[in-house]
Amino acid sequence: MLAFTNAKEKTSPTIIGAGCKLTGDMKTDHSVQIHGQVIGNITAETVVIGRGGRVAGKVCAKTLFLHGMLDGPAIVNTANVFSNAQMTGTLSYHTLNITGNTGLECKLAKRKDKKNE
């Protein structure tokens, strides 16, 4: 079943499916779900890196849900890191939620700037 944005909806997620590889930068005002592989920078309202998802690049978002692998820095307001997550680089955050054993090998940096920036 396919889902399309209708006239009443003003947003739709960008989804990189399992088995898909994207090379290049992504920028959206909405959400991005990565279940495949992205080599490039991602700027979005919400970024979800699924269990099989891999991102090699910088992530800038208000909210990050990390289930998969992120190789690069992330600048977020809220980071949600789950049990199978792996990350290298620097994670800059206002709020950090970690669930279970993760494979974080990154530097954690609490942001001191305002949350709305």
N, C-alpha and C. Protein backbone atom coordinates (compact mmCIF):
# COMPACT_ATOMS: atom_id res chain seq x y z
N MET A 1 0.84 -1.18 0.00
CA MET A 1 0.00 0.00 0.00
C MET A 1 0.88 1.24 0.00
N LEU A 2 0.59 2.17 -0.86
CA LEU A 2 1.36 3.40 -0.96
C LEU A 2 0.63 4.52 -0.25
N ALA A 3 1.39 5.41 0.35
CA ALA A 3 0.80 6.57 1.02
C ALA A 3 1.23 7.82 0.28
N PHE A 4 0.28 8.66 -0.03
CA PHE A 4 0.57 9.90 -0.72
C PHE A 4 0.09 11.07 0.12
N THR A 5 0.69 12.22 -0.08
CA THR A 5 0.25 13.41 0.61
C THR A 5 -1.00 13.92 -0.08
N ASN A 6 -2.05 14.19 0.68
CA ASN A 6 -3.26 14.73 0.07
C ASN A 6 -3.31 16.24 0.29
N ALA A 7 -4.35 16.88 -0.21
CA ALA A 7 -4.45 18.34 -0.14
C ALA A 7 -4.50 18.86 1.28
N LYS A 8 -5.03 18.07 2.22
CA LYS A 8 -5.13 18.50 3.61
C LYS A 8 -3.80 18.38 4.34
N GLU A 9 -2.97 17.47 3.90
CA GLU A 9 -1.65 17.29 4.52
C GLU A 9 -0.66 18.24 3.87
N LYS A 10 0.13 18.87 4.69
CA LYS A 10 1.14 19.79 4.17
C LYS A 10 2.54 19.22 4.33
N THR A 11 2.65 18.04 4.96
CA THR A 11 3.95 17.43 5.15
C THR A 11 3.87 15.94 4.82
N SER A 12 4.97 15.40 4.42
CA SER A 12 5.10 13.96 4.25
C SER A 12 6.55 13.62 4.54
N PRO A 13 6.79 12.44 5.12
CA PRO A 13 8.17 12.09 5.44
C PRO A 13 8.95 11.71 4.18
N THR A 14 10.24 11.94 4.24
CA THR A 14 11.15 11.44 3.22
C THR A 14 11.68 10.12 3.75
N ILE A 15 11.52 9.05 2.96
CA ILE A 15 11.92 7.72 3.41
C ILE A 15 12.95 7.14 2.46
N ILE A 16 14.08 6.75 3.02
CA ILE A 16 15.10 6.01 2.27
C ILE A 16 14.96 4.56 2.73
N GLY A 17 14.41 3.73 1.89
CA GLY A 17 14.08 2.36 2.25
C GLY A 17 15.28 1.45 2.36
N ALA A 18 15.06 0.31 2.99
CA ALA A 18 16.10 -0.72 3.12
C ALA A 18 16.56 -1.13 1.73
N GLY A 19 17.85 -1.28 1.56
CA GLY A 19 18.42 -1.65 0.27
C GLY A 19 18.70 -0.46 -0.63
N CYS A 20 18.27 0.73 -0.25
CA CYS A 20 18.49 1.94 -1.04
C CYS A 20 19.73 2.65 -0.55
N LYS A 21 20.52 3.18 -1.49
CA LYS A 21 21.71 3.95 -1.13
C LYS A 21 21.61 5.31 -1.81
N LEU A 22 21.74 6.37 -0.99
CA LEU A 22 21.67 7.74 -1.49
C LEU A 22 22.98 8.44 -1.19
N THR A 23 23.57 9.05 -2.21
CA THR A 23 24.78 9.84 -2.03
C THR A 23 24.43 11.29 -2.34
N GLY A 24 24.59 12.14 -1.34
CA GLY A 24 24.26 13.55 -1.50
C GLY A 24 23.61 14.09 -0.25
N ASP A 25 23.47 15.40 -0.18
CA ASP A 25 22.89 16.05 0.99
C ASP A 25 21.37 16.11 0.88
N MET A 26 20.69 16.05 2.04
CA MET A 26 19.23 16.15 2.10
C MET A 26 18.87 17.31 3.03
N LYS A 27 17.86 18.11 2.61
CA LYS A 27 17.39 19.21 3.45
C LYS A 27 15.88 19.30 3.29
N THR A 28 15.16 19.26 4.44
CA THR A 28 13.71 19.35 4.43
C THR A 28 13.23 19.97 5.73
N ASP A 29 12.03 20.55 5.70
CA ASP A 29 11.43 21.10 6.91
C ASP A 29 10.65 20.03 7.66
N HIS A 30 10.62 18.82 7.15
CA HIS A 30 9.80 17.76 7.70
C HIS A 30 10.68 16.65 8.25
N SER A 31 10.17 15.43 8.28
CA SER A 31 10.92 14.31 8.85
C SER A 31 11.59 13.47 7.76
N VAL A 32 12.67 12.82 8.16
CA VAL A 32 13.41 11.91 7.29
C VAL A 32 13.57 10.59 8.02
N GLN A 33 13.27 9.50 7.33
CA GLN A 33 13.46 8.16 7.88
C GLN A 33 14.49 7.44 7.01
N ILE A 34 15.53 6.94 7.65
CA ILE A 34 16.60 6.24 6.93
C ILE A 34 16.58 4.77 7.35
N HIS A 35 16.28 3.90 6.40
CA HIS A 35 16.32 2.46 6.64
C HIS A 35 17.36 1.81 5.74
N GLY A 36 17.88 2.59 4.82
CA GLY A 36 18.95 2.16 3.93
C GLY A 36 20.24 2.89 4.30
N GLN A 37 20.94 3.42 3.28
CA GLN A 37 22.22 4.07 3.53
C GLN A 37 22.24 5.46 2.89
N VAL A 38 22.73 6.44 3.65
CA VAL A 38 22.91 7.80 3.14
C VAL A 38 24.35 8.21 3.37
N ILE A 39 24.99 8.68 2.31
CA ILE A 39 26.33 9.24 2.40
C ILE A 39 26.17 10.72 2.07
N GLY A 40 26.12 11.55 3.10
CA GLY A 40 25.91 12.97 2.92
C GLY A 40 25.28 13.56 4.18
N ASN A 41 25.07 14.85 4.17
CA ASN A 41 24.54 15.57 5.32
C ASN A 41 23.02 15.61 5.27
N ILE A 42 22.38 15.56 6.45
CA ILE A 42 20.93 15.60 6.54
C ILE A 42 20.52 16.74 7.46
N THR A 43 19.63 17.61 6.97
CA THR A 43 19.05 18.67 7.77
C THR A 43 17.54 18.50 7.69
N ALA A 44 16.89 18.31 8.86
CA ALA A 44 15.45 18.06 8.88
C ALA A 44 14.89 18.39 10.25
N GLU A 45 13.56 18.45 10.33
CA GLU A 45 12.88 18.63 11.61
C GLU A 45 13.15 17.43 12.52
N THR A 46 12.91 16.23 12.00
CA THR A 46 13.11 14.98 12.73
C THR A 46 13.87 14.02 11.83
N VAL A 47 14.88 13.35 12.39
CA VAL A 47 15.63 12.33 11.65
C VAL A 47 15.51 11.02 12.43
N VAL A 48 15.05 9.99 11.73
CA VAL A 48 14.96 8.65 12.29
C VAL A 48 15.92 7.77 11.50
N ILE A 49 16.90 7.20 12.19
CA ILE A 49 17.81 6.25 11.55
C ILE A 49 17.42 4.89 12.10
N GLY A 50 16.76 4.08 11.26
CA GLY A 50 16.24 2.79 11.67
C GLY A 50 17.34 1.77 11.95
N ARG A 51 16.94 0.60 12.45
CA ARG A 51 17.91 -0.44 12.84
C ARG A 51 18.87 -0.82 11.72
N GLY A 52 18.40 -0.90 10.51
CA GLY A 52 19.28 -1.23 9.39
C GLY A 52 19.84 0.00 8.70
N GLY A 53 19.50 1.18 9.19
CA GLY A 53 19.92 2.43 8.56
C GLY A 53 21.35 2.82 8.91
N ARG A 54 22.00 3.45 7.93
CA ARG A 54 23.38 3.92 8.11
C ARG A 54 23.50 5.30 7.48
N VAL A 55 24.08 6.22 8.23
CA VAL A 55 24.33 7.57 7.72
C VAL A 55 25.80 7.89 7.95
N ALA A 56 26.47 8.32 6.88
CA ALA A 56 27.84 8.82 6.96
C ALA A 56 27.78 10.28 6.56
N GLY A 57 27.75 11.16 7.56
CA GLY A 57 27.64 12.59 7.32
C GLY A 57 27.11 13.30 8.54
N LYS A 58 26.89 14.58 8.41
CA LYS A 58 26.43 15.42 9.52
C LYS A 58 24.90 15.43 9.56
N VAL A 59 24.34 15.32 10.77
CA VAL A 59 22.89 15.40 10.97
C VAL A 59 22.58 16.64 11.79
N CYS A 60 21.67 17.48 11.29
CA CYS A 60 21.16 18.64 12.01
C CYS A 60 19.65 18.50 12.07
N ALA A 61 19.11 18.43 13.30
CA ALA A 61 17.66 18.23 13.45
C ALA A 61 17.21 18.69 14.82
N LYS A 62 15.92 18.94 14.94
CA LYS A 62 15.37 19.20 16.27
C LYS A 62 15.35 17.91 17.07
N THR A 63 14.96 16.79 16.42
CA THR A 63 14.86 15.52 17.12
C THR A 63 15.54 14.42 16.32
N LEU A 64 16.34 13.62 16.99
CA LEU A 64 17.01 12.46 16.39
C LEU A 64 16.56 11.21 17.12
N PHE A 65 16.14 10.20 16.35
CA PHE A 65 15.86 8.86 16.86
C PHE A 65 16.90 7.95 16.22
N LEU A 66 17.85 7.47 17.01
CA LEU A 66 18.96 6.67 16.49
C LEU A 66 18.81 5.22 16.93
N HIS A 67 18.47 4.37 15.97
CA HIS A 67 18.39 2.93 16.18
C HIS A 67 19.54 2.24 15.43
N GLY A 68 20.02 2.85 14.37
CA GLY A 68 21.03 2.27 13.49
C GLY A 68 22.39 2.88 13.72
N MET A 69 23.08 3.23 12.61
CA MET A 69 24.46 3.69 12.69
C MET A 69 24.61 5.10 12.11
N LEU A 70 25.31 5.95 12.85
CA LEU A 70 25.63 7.30 12.41
C LEU A 70 27.12 7.50 12.53
N ASP A 71 27.76 7.78 11.41
CA ASP A 71 29.19 8.05 11.37
C ASP A 71 29.36 9.51 10.99
N GLY A 72 29.43 10.35 11.99
CA GLY A 72 29.56 11.78 11.75
C GLY A 72 28.95 12.55 12.89
N PRO A 73 29.10 13.86 12.88
CA PRO A 73 28.55 14.66 13.97
C PRO A 73 27.04 14.83 13.85
N ALA A 74 26.40 15.13 14.98
CA ALA A 74 24.97 15.44 14.99
C ALA A 74 24.75 16.63 15.92
N ILE A 75 23.96 17.59 15.45
CA ILE A 75 23.59 18.75 16.24
C ILE A 75 22.07 18.72 16.34
N VAL A 76 21.55 18.44 17.55
CA VAL A 76 20.12 18.24 17.73
C VAL A 76 19.65 18.91 19.02
N ASN A 77 18.35 19.12 19.12
CA ASN A 77 17.77 19.56 20.39
C ASN A 77 17.59 18.35 21.30
N THR A 78 16.94 17.29 20.78
CA THR A 78 16.68 16.08 21.55
C THR A 78 17.22 14.88 20.82
N ALA A 79 18.06 14.10 21.49
CA ALA A 79 18.61 12.86 20.93
C ALA A 79 18.03 11.69 21.69
N ASN A 80 17.44 10.75 20.95
CA ASN A 80 16.91 9.52 21.52
C ASN A 80 17.75 8.38 20.95
N VAL A 81 18.54 7.74 21.78
CA VAL A 81 19.48 6.72 21.34
C VAL A 81 19.01 5.38 21.90
N PHE A 82 18.81 4.40 21.02
CA PHE A 82 18.23 3.12 21.41
C PHE A 82 19.27 2.01 21.45
N SER A 83 18.87 0.83 21.90
CA SER A 83 19.79 -0.23 22.30
C SER A 83 20.77 -0.70 21.22
N ASN A 84 20.41 -0.74 19.96
CA ASN A 84 21.33 -1.22 18.92
C ASN A 84 22.08 -0.10 18.22
N ALA A 85 21.91 1.12 18.68
CA ALA A 85 22.51 2.28 18.01
C ALA A 85 24.03 2.27 18.10
N GLN A 86 24.64 2.79 17.04
CA GLN A 86 26.09 2.97 17.00
C GLN A 86 26.36 4.36 16.44
N MET A 87 27.34 5.04 17.04
CA MET A 87 27.67 6.38 16.56
C MET A 87 29.12 6.70 16.84
N THR A 88 29.74 7.35 15.87
CA THR A 88 31.06 7.96 16.05
C THR A 88 30.89 9.44 15.71
N GLY A 89 31.78 10.27 16.18
CA GLY A 89 31.67 11.71 15.95
C GLY A 89 31.27 12.41 17.23
N THR A 90 30.71 13.60 17.11
CA THR A 90 30.28 14.38 18.26
C THR A 90 28.77 14.53 18.23
N LEU A 91 28.12 14.21 19.34
CA LEU A 91 26.68 14.39 19.48
C LEU A 91 26.44 15.61 20.35
N SER A 92 25.98 16.72 19.73
CA SER A 92 25.66 17.96 20.44
C SER A 92 24.16 18.00 20.65
N TYR A 93 23.71 18.17 21.90
CA TYR A 93 22.30 18.02 22.24
C TYR A 93 21.90 18.97 23.37
N HIS A 94 20.59 19.20 23.50
CA HIS A 94 20.03 19.86 24.68
C HIS A 94 19.51 18.79 25.64
N THR A 95 18.79 17.78 25.10
CA THR A 95 18.24 16.69 25.89
C THR A 95 18.72 15.38 25.29
N LEU A 96 19.19 14.47 26.15
CA LEU A 96 19.71 13.18 25.71
C LEU A 96 18.98 12.06 26.44
N ASN A 97 18.40 11.14 25.66
CA ASN A 97 17.73 9.96 26.21
C ASN A 97 18.41 8.72 25.65
N ILE A 98 18.95 7.88 26.52
CA ILE A 98 19.63 6.66 26.09
C ILE A 98 18.89 5.47 26.68
N THR A 99 18.54 4.50 25.81
CA THR A 99 17.83 3.31 26.23
C THR A 99 18.70 2.09 25.95
N GLY A 100 19.03 1.31 26.96
CA GLY A 100 19.76 0.06 26.77
C GLY A 100 21.24 0.26 26.46
N ASN A 101 21.88 -0.83 26.10
CA ASN A 101 23.31 -0.82 25.76
C ASN A 101 23.48 -0.34 24.33
N THR A 102 24.23 0.70 24.14
CA THR A 102 24.44 1.24 22.80
C THR A 102 25.92 1.15 22.45
N GLY A 103 26.21 1.27 21.18
CA GLY A 103 27.59 1.24 20.71
C GLY A 103 28.10 2.65 20.45
N LEU A 104 27.87 3.54 21.39
CA LEU A 104 28.32 4.91 21.21
C LEU A 104 29.82 5.01 21.46
N GLU A 105 30.53 5.50 20.47
CA GLU A 105 31.95 5.79 20.60
C GLU A 105 32.15 7.24 20.21
N CYS A 106 31.23 8.07 20.66
CA CYS A 106 31.24 9.46 20.24
C CYS A 106 31.48 10.36 21.45
N LYS A 107 31.77 11.60 21.13
CA LYS A 107 31.91 12.63 22.16
C LYS A 107 30.52 13.23 22.38
N LEU A 108 30.11 13.35 23.63
CA LEU A 108 28.83 13.97 23.96
C LEU A 108 29.08 15.42 24.38
N ALA A 109 28.32 16.34 23.78
CA ALA A 109 28.50 17.76 24.06
C ALA A 109 27.14 18.40 24.34
N LYS A 110 26.90 18.76 25.59
CA LYS A 110 25.65 19.44 25.97
C LYS A 110 25.67 20.83 25.38
N ARG A 111 24.64 21.16 24.58
CA ARG A 111 24.56 22.48 23.94
C ARG A 111 24.19 23.53 24.96
N LYS A 112 24.80 24.70 24.84
CA LYS A 112 24.52 25.81 25.74
C LYS A 112 23.71 26.90 25.05
N ASP A 113 23.50 26.77 23.74
CA ASP A 113 22.70 27.77 23.03
C ASP A 113 21.22 27.54 23.29
N LYS A 114 20.37 28.43 22.82
CA LYS A 114 18.94 28.31 23.04
C LYS A 114 18.35 27.16 22.23
N LYS A 115 17.32 26.49 22.76
CA LYS A 115 16.72 25.34 22.11
C LYS A 115 16.09 25.66 20.77
N ASN A 116 15.61 26.83 20.55
CA ASN A 116 14.92 27.17 19.30
C ASN A 116 15.86 27.48 18.15
N GLU A 117 17.13 27.47 18.39
CA GLU A 117 18.08 27.79 17.32
C GLU A 117 18.48 26.55 16.57
